[in-house]
Amino acid sequence: MKKLYKTTIVIWSNTNPEECDIEDIARETLCGDHFLAEHKIELVGDPTEDVDWNAGSEDFFKGNDDEQEEY
């Protein structure tokens, strides 16, 4: 598995985000209805060793090796 970028975003809201799609949450953050408190981007050398890695994610990235830049 090649290196991947991991993005962590913290958004605060007055409403329950479980009732929204992620697209709605992002849109409401851009409009000012939610507050973007933090965002962090990391280059992870071995994503399979990361605590947030989801085993199903590997299928998503299969076949994309040729498209990803080397670091």
PDB file of N, CA and C in Angstrom:
ATOM      1  N   MET A   1       0.859  -1.182   0.000  1.00  0.00           N
ATOM      2  CA  MET A   1       0.000   0.000   0.000  1.00  0.00           C
ATOM      3  C   MET A   1       0.894   1.231   0.000  1.00  0.00           C
ATOM      4  N   LYS A   2       0.576   2.164  -0.874  1.00  0.00           N
ATOM      5  CA  LYS A   2       1.326   3.416  -0.956  1.00  0.00           C
ATOM      6  C   LYS A   2       0.871   4.388   0.125  1.00  0.00           C
ATOM      7  N   LYS A   3       1.658   5.426   0.293  1.00  0.00           N
ATOM      8  CA  LYS A   3       1.322   6.496   1.229  1.00  0.00           C
ATOM      9  C   LYS A   3       0.018   7.149   0.808  1.00  0.00           C
ATOM     10  N   LEU A   4      -0.769   7.564   1.786  1.00  0.00           N
ATOM     11  CA  LEU A   4      -2.035   8.245   1.526  1.00  0.00           C
ATOM     12  C   LEU A   4      -2.155   9.475   2.420  1.00  0.00           C
ATOM     13  N   TYR A   5      -2.923  10.438   1.964  1.00  0.00           N
ATOM     14  CA  TYR A   5      -3.229  11.605   2.783  1.00  0.00           C
ATOM     15  C   TYR A   5      -4.453  11.324   3.648  1.00  0.00           C
ATOM     16  N   LYS A   6      -4.357  11.703   4.914  1.00  0.00           N
ATOM     17  CA  LYS A   6      -5.464  11.559   5.864  1.00  0.00           C
ATOM     18  C   LYS A   6      -5.876  12.962   6.295  1.00  0.00           C
ATOM     19  N   THR A   7      -7.156  13.277   6.155  1.00  0.00           N
ATOM     20  CA  THR A   7      -7.674  14.578   6.535  1.00  0.00           C
ATOM     21  C   THR A   7      -8.627  14.412   7.712  1.00  0.00           C
ATOM     22  N   THR A   8      -8.372  15.148   8.774  1.00  0.00           N
ATOM     23  CA  THR A   8      -9.228  15.135   9.955  1.00  0.00           C
ATOM     24  C   THR A   8      -9.860  16.518  10.083  1.00  0.00           C
ATOM     25  N   ILE A   9     -11.197  16.551  10.211  1.00  0.00           N
ATOM     26  CA  ILE A   9     -11.928  17.803  10.274  1.00  0.00           C
ATOM     27  C   ILE A   9     -12.813  17.806  11.522  1.00  0.00           C
ATOM     28  N   VAL A  10     -12.790  18.917  12.271  1.00  0.00           N
ATOM     29  CA  VAL A  10     -13.650  19.075  13.444  1.00  0.00           C
ATOM     30  C   VAL A  10     -14.626  20.207  13.158  1.00  0.00           C
ATOM     31  N   ILE A  11     -15.926  19.876  13.190  1.00  0.00           N
ATOM     32  CA  ILE A  11     -16.985  20.851  12.930  1.00  0.00           C
ATOM     33  C   ILE A  11     -17.948  20.846  14.113  1.00  0.00           C
ATOM     34  N   TRP A  12     -18.254  22.035  14.620  1.00  0.00           N
ATOM     35  CA  TRP A  12     -19.223  22.189  15.705  1.00  0.00           C
ATOM     36  C   TRP A  12     -20.541  22.689  15.125  1.00  0.00           C
ATOM     37  N   SER A  13     -21.669  22.181  15.669  1.00  0.00           N
ATOM     38  CA  SER A  13     -22.978  22.604  15.161  1.00  0.00           C
ATOM     39  C   SER A  13     -24.015  22.624  16.269  1.00  0.00           C
ATOM     40  N   ASN A  14     -25.088  23.381  16.038  1.00  0.00           N
ATOM     41  CA  ASN A  14     -26.220  23.438  16.974  1.00  0.00           C
ATOM     42  C   ASN A  14     -27.195  22.292  16.756  1.00  0.00           C
ATOM     43  N   THR A  15     -27.156  21.697  15.579  1.00  0.00           N
ATOM     44  CA  THR A  15     -28.090  20.625  15.224  1.00  0.00           C
ATOM     45  C   THR A  15     -27.378  19.278  15.214  1.00  0.00           C
ATOM     46  N   ASN A  16     -28.157  18.218  15.302  1.00  0.00           N
ATOM     47  CA  ASN A  16     -27.597  16.873  15.320  1.00  0.00           C
ATOM     48  C   ASN A  16     -27.127  16.492  13.913  1.00  0.00           C
ATOM     49  N   PRO A  17     -25.813  16.331  13.702  1.00  0.00           N
ATOM     50  CA  PRO A  17     -25.313  16.018  12.364  1.00  0.00           C
ATOM     51  C   PRO A  17     -25.678  14.611  11.886  1.00  0.00           C
ATOM     52  N   GLU A  18     -26.147  13.755  12.784  1.00  0.00           N
ATOM     53  CA  GLU A  18     -26.565  12.423  12.359  1.00  0.00           C
ATOM     54  C   GLU A  18     -27.799  12.497  11.467  1.00  0.00           C
ATOM     55  N   GLU A  19     -28.486  13.623  11.512  1.00  0.00           N
ATOM     56  CA  GLU A  19     -29.678  13.810  10.698  1.00  0.00           C
ATOM     57  C   GLU A  19     -29.345  14.399   9.324  1.00  0.00           C
ATOM     58  N   CYS A  20     -28.060  14.603   9.024  1.00  0.00           N
ATOM     59  CA  CYS A  20     -27.628  15.231   7.772  1.00  0.00           C
ATOM     60  C   CYS A  20     -26.659  14.322   7.020  1.00  0.00           C
ATOM     61  N   ASP A  21     -26.555  14.548   5.721  1.00  0.00           N
ATOM     62  CA  ASP A  21     -25.509  13.923   4.924  1.00  0.00           C
ATOM     63  C   ASP A  21     -24.232  14.723   5.114  1.00  0.00           C
ATOM     64  N   ILE A  22     -23.088  14.104   4.859  1.00  0.00           N
ATOM     65  CA  ILE A  22     -21.806  14.786   5.015  1.00  0.00           C
ATOM     66  C   ILE A  22     -21.729  16.009   4.092  1.00  0.00           C
ATOM     67  N   GLU A  23     -22.363  15.920   2.918  1.00  0.00           N
ATOM     68  CA  GLU A  23     -22.371  17.066   2.003  1.00  0.00           C
ATOM     69  C   GLU A  23     -23.103  18.256   2.615  1.00  0.00           C
ATOM     70  N   ASP A  24     -24.206  17.978   3.315  1.00  0.00           N
ATOM     71  CA  ASP A  24     -24.964  19.046   3.965  1.00  0.00           C
ATOM     72  C   ASP A  24     -24.158  19.683   5.094  1.00  0.00           C
ATOM     73  N   ILE A  25     -23.442  18.853   5.839  1.00  0.00           N
ATOM     74  CA  ILE A  25     -22.619  19.370   6.935  1.00  0.00           C
ATOM     75  C   ILE A  25     -21.536  20.299   6.386  1.00  0.00           C
ATOM     76  N   ALA A  26     -20.873  19.873   5.318  1.00  0.00           N
ATOM     77  CA  ALA A  26     -19.827  20.699   4.707  1.00  0.00           C
ATOM     78  C   ALA A  26     -20.411  22.000   4.163  1.00  0.00           C
ATOM     79  N   ARG A  27     -21.542  21.921   3.486  1.00  0.00           N
ATOM     80  CA  ARG A  27     -22.182  23.107   2.914  1.00  0.00           C
ATOM     81  C   ARG A  27     -22.575  24.094   4.012  1.00  0.00           C
ATOM     82  N   GLU A  28     -23.149  23.574   5.098  1.00  0.00           N
ATOM     83  CA  GLU A  28     -23.560  24.452   6.192  1.00  0.00           C
ATOM     84  C   GLU A  28     -22.356  25.071   6.892  1.00  0.00           C
ATOM     85  N   THR A  29     -21.228  24.389   6.875  1.00  0.00           N
ATOM     86  CA  THR A  29     -20.003  24.957   7.432  1.00  0.00           C
ATOM     87  C   THR A  29     -19.530  26.120   6.567  1.00  0.00           C
ATOM     88  N   LEU A  30     -19.585  25.940   5.247  1.00  0.00           N
ATOM     89  CA  LEU A  30     -19.177  27.008   4.334  1.00  0.00           C
ATOM     90  C   LEU A  30     -20.113  28.208   4.415  1.00  0.00           C
ATOM     91  N   CYS A  31     -21.384  27.957   4.677  1.00  0.00           N
ATOM     92  CA  CYS A  31     -22.381  29.048   4.768  1.00  0.00           C
ATOM     93  C   CYS A  31     -22.340  29.762   6.109  1.00  0.00           C
ATOM     94  N   GLY A  32     -21.684  29.174   7.095  1.00  0.00           N
ATOM     95  CA  GLY A  32     -21.598  29.796   8.408  1.00  0.00           C
ATOM     96  C   GLY A  32     -22.584  29.260   9.427  1.00  0.00           C
ATOM     97  N   ASP A  33     -23.378  28.251   9.054  1.00  0.00           N
ATOM     98  CA  ASP A  33     -24.328  27.674  10.016  1.00  0.00           C
ATOM     99  C   ASP A  33     -23.658  26.706  10.982  1.00  0.00           C
ATOM    100  N   HIS A  34     -22.515  26.139  10.583  1.00  0.00           N
ATOM    101  CA  HIS A  34     -21.690  25.301  11.457  1.00  0.00           C
ATOM    102  C   HIS A  34     -20.318  25.972  11.551  1.00  0.00           C
ATOM    103  N   PHE A  35     -19.523  25.564  12.529  1.00  0.00           N
ATOM    104  CA  PHE A  35     -18.223  26.196  12.751  1.00  0.00           C
ATOM    105  C   PHE A  35     -17.103  25.182  12.530  1.00  0.00           C
ATOM    106  N   LEU A  36     -16.198  25.494  11.598  1.00  0.00           N
ATOM    107  CA  LEU A  36     -15.016  24.666  11.364  1.00  0.00           C
ATOM    108  C   LEU A  36     -13.958  25.052  12.394  1.00  0.00           C
ATOM    109  N   ALA A  37     -13.735  24.177  13.360  1.00  0.00           N
ATOM    110  CA  ALA A  37     -12.815  24.472  14.453  1.00  0.00           C
ATOM    111  C   ALA A  37     -11.379  24.076  14.127  1.00  0.00           C
ATOM    112  N   GLU A  38     -11.223  23.022  13.342  1.00  0.00           N
ATOM    113  CA  GLU A  38      -9.872  22.516  13.082  1.00  0.00           C
ATOM    114  C   GLU A  38      -9.891  21.630  11.853  1.00  0.00           C
ATOM    115  N   HIS A  39      -8.792  21.650  11.113  1.00  0.00           N
ATOM    116  CA  HIS A  39      -8.581  20.636  10.088  1.00  0.00           C
ATOM    117  C   HIS A  39      -7.089  20.341  10.023  1.00  0.00           C
ATOM    118  N   LYS A  40      -6.794  19.081   9.828  1.00  0.00           N
ATOM    119  CA  LYS A  40      -5.410  18.630   9.849  1.00  0.00           C
ATOM    120  C   LYS A  40      -5.219  17.654   8.695  1.00  0.00           C
ATOM    121  N   ILE A  41      -4.123  17.803   7.955  1.00  0.00           N
ATOM    122  CA  ILE A  41      -3.806  16.911   6.851  1.00  0.00           C
ATOM    123  C   ILE A  41      -2.452  16.269   7.138  1.00  0.00           C
ATOM    124  N   GLU A  42      -2.415  14.926   7.041  1.00  0.00           N
ATOM    125  CA  GLU A  42      -1.183  14.195   7.292  1.00  0.00           C
ATOM    126  C   GLU A  42      -0.907  13.243   6.130  1.00  0.00           C
ATOM    127  N   LEU A  43       0.355  13.064   5.782  1.00  0.00           N
ATOM    128  CA  LEU A  43       0.750  12.037   4.835  1.00  0.00           C
ATOM    129  C   LEU A  43       1.111  10.801   5.662  1.00  0.00           C
ATOM    130  N   VAL A  44       0.369   9.714   5.473  1.00  0.00           N
ATOM    131  CA  VAL A  44       0.553   8.500   6.275  1.00  0.00           C
ATOM    132  C   VAL A  44       1.332   7.488   5.447  1.00  0.00           C
ATOM    133  N   GLY A  45       2.497   7.093   5.971  1.00  0.00           N
ATOM    134  CA  GLY A  45       3.378   6.175   5.254  1.00  0.00           C
ATOM    135  C   GLY A  45       2.785   4.800   5.035  1.00  0.00           C
ATOM    136  N   ASP A  46       2.149   4.245   6.062  1.00  0.00           N
ATOM    137  CA  ASP A  46       1.507   2.936   5.952  1.00  0.00           C
ATOM    138  C   ASP A  46       0.101   3.047   6.526  1.00  0.00           C
ATOM    139  N   PRO A  47      -0.871   3.362   5.685  1.00  0.00           N
ATOM    140  CA  PRO A  47      -2.237   3.575   6.159  1.00  0.00           C
ATOM    141  C   PRO A  47      -2.813   2.383   6.926  1.00  0.00           C
ATOM    142  N   THR A  48      -2.382   1.166   6.610  1.00  0.00           N
ATOM    143  CA  THR A  48      -2.929  -0.008   7.290  1.00  0.00           C
ATOM    144  C   THR A  48      -2.531  -0.051   8.759  1.00  0.00           C
ATOM    145  N   GLU A  49      -1.536   0.721   9.151  1.00  0.00           N
ATOM    146  CA  GLU A  49      -1.093   0.782  10.546  1.00  0.00           C
ATOM    147  C   GLU A  49      -1.748   1.926  11.314  1.00  0.00           C
ATOM    148  N   ASP A  50      -2.517   2.760  10.646  1.00  0.00           N
ATOM    149  CA  ASP A  50      -3.154   3.911  11.281  1.00  0.00           C
ATOM    150  C   ASP A  50      -4.396   3.467  12.056  1.00  0.00           C
ATOM    151  N   VAL A  51      -4.635   4.075  13.223  1.00  0.00           N
ATOM    152  CA  VAL A  51      -5.775   3.696  14.069  1.00  0.00           C
ATOM    153  C   VAL A  51      -7.118   3.962  13.394  1.00  0.00           C
ATOM    154  N   ASP A  52      -7.164   4.893  12.450  1.00  0.00           N
ATOM    155  CA  ASP A  52      -8.412   5.225  11.780  1.00  0.00           C
ATOM    156  C   ASP A  52      -8.644   4.446  10.488  1.00  0.00           C
ATOM    157  N   TRP A  53      -7.701   3.617  10.104  1.00  0.00           N
ATOM    158  CA  TRP A  53      -7.817   2.867   8.854  1.00  0.00           C
ATOM    159  C   TRP A  53      -8.995   1.909   8.918  1.00  0.00           C
ATOM    160  N   ASN A  54      -9.751   1.892   7.836  1.00  0.00           N
ATOM    161  CA  ASN A  54     -10.881   0.982   7.693  1.00  0.00           C
ATOM    162  C   ASN A  54     -10.487  -0.045   6.647  1.00  0.00           C
ATOM    163  N   ALA A  55     -10.558  -1.320   6.985  1.00  0.00           N
ATOM    164  CA  ALA A  55     -10.122  -2.383   6.079  1.00  0.00           C
ATOM    165  C   ALA A  55     -10.829  -2.290   4.727  1.00  0.00           C
ATOM    166  N   GLY A  56     -12.064  -1.815   4.704  1.00  0.00           N
ATOM    167  CA  GLY A  56     -12.783  -1.668   3.447  1.00  0.00           C
ATOM    168  C   GLY A  56     -12.194  -0.597   2.553  1.00  0.00           C
ATOM    169  N   SER A  57     -11.408   0.308   3.133  1.00  0.00           N
ATOM    170  CA  SER A  57     -10.794   1.381   2.356  1.00  0.00           C
ATOM    171  C   SER A  57      -9.809   0.840   1.334  1.00  0.00           C
ATOM    172  N   GLU A  58      -9.217  -0.302   1.627  1.00  0.00           N
ATOM    173  CA  GLU A  58      -8.213  -0.869   0.727  1.00  0.00           C
ATOM    174  C   GLU A  58      -8.816  -1.155  -0.651  1.00  0.00           C
ATOM    175  N   ASP A  59     -10.051  -1.631  -0.694  1.00  0.00           N
ATOM    176  CA  ASP A  59     -10.714  -1.891  -1.969  1.00  0.00           C
ATOM    177  C   ASP A  59     -10.886  -0.602  -2.770  1.00  0.00           C
ATOM    178  N   PHE A  60     -11.143   0.495  -2.083  1.00  0.00           N
ATOM    179  CA  PHE A  60     -11.329   1.783  -2.749  1.00  0.00           C
ATOM    180  C   PHE A  60     -10.060   2.198  -3.488  1.00  0.00           C
ATOM    181  N   PHE A  61      -8.891   1.937  -2.903  1.00  0.00           N
ATOM    182  CA  PHE A  61      -7.623   2.390  -3.466  1.00  0.00           C
ATOM    183  C   PHE A  61      -6.968   1.364  -4.386  1.00  0.00           C
ATOM    184  N   LYS A  62      -7.501   0.148  -4.485  1.00  0.00           N
ATOM    185  CA  LYS A  62      -6.935  -0.848  -5.401  1.00  0.00           C
ATOM    186  C   LYS A  62      -7.055  -0.353  -6.831  1.00  0.00           C
ATOM    187  N   GLY A  63      -6.001  -0.561  -7.591  1.00  0.00           N
ATOM    188  CA  GLY A  63      -6.018  -0.154  -8.985  1.00  0.00           C
ATOM    189  C   GLY A  63      -5.670   1.302  -9.199  1.00  0.00           C
ATOM    190  N   ASN A  64      -5.524   2.072  -8.131  1.00  0.00           N
ATOM    191  CA  ASN A  64      -5.170   3.485  -8.251  1.00  0.00           C
ATOM    192  C   ASN A  64      -3.675   3.719  -8.115  1.00  0.00           C
ATOM    193  N   ASP A  65      -2.880   2.653  -7.984  1.00  0.00           N
ATOM    194  CA  ASP A  65      -1.435   2.811  -7.776  1.00  0.00           C
ATOM    195  C   ASP A  65      -0.766   3.597  -8.900  1.00  0.00           C
ATOM    196  N   ASP A  66      -1.197   3.389 -10.150  1.00  0.00           N
ATOM    197  CA  ASP A  66      -0.582   4.078 -11.271  1.00  0.00           C
ATOM    198  C   ASP A  66      -0.937   5.560 -11.289  1.00  0.00           C
ATOM    199  N   GLU A  67      -2.077   5.919 -10.715  1.00  0.00           N
ATOM    200  CA  GLU A  67      -2.546   7.296 -10.752  1.00  0.00           C
ATOM    201  C   GLU A  67      -1.952   8.148  -9.646  1.00  0.00           C
ATOM    202  N   GLN A  68      -1.472   7.511  -8.567  1.00  0.00           N
ATOM    203  CA  GLN A  68      -0.979   8.273  -7.419  1.00  0.00           C
ATOM    204  C   GLN A  68       0.464   8.670  -7.618  1.00  0.00           C
ATOM    205  N   GLU A  69       0.797   9.894  -7.223  1.00  0.00           N
ATOM    206  CA  GLU A  69       2.163  10.384  -7.329  1.00  0.00           C
ATOM    207  C   GLU A  69       3.040   9.647  -6.323  1.00  0.00           C
ATOM    208  N   GLU A  70       4.313   9.520  -6.666  1.00  0.00           N
ATOM    209  CA  GLU A  70       5.298   8.945  -5.756  1.00  0.00           C
ATOM    210  C   GLU A  70       5.807  10.025  -4.820  1.00  0.00           C
ATOM    211  N   TYR A  71       6.051   9.685  -3.561  1.00  0.00           N
ATOM    212  CA  TYR A  71       6.563  10.657  -2.588  1.00  0.00           C
ATOM    213  C   TYR A  71       7.861  10.192  -2.023  1.00  0.00           C
TER     214      TYR A  71
END
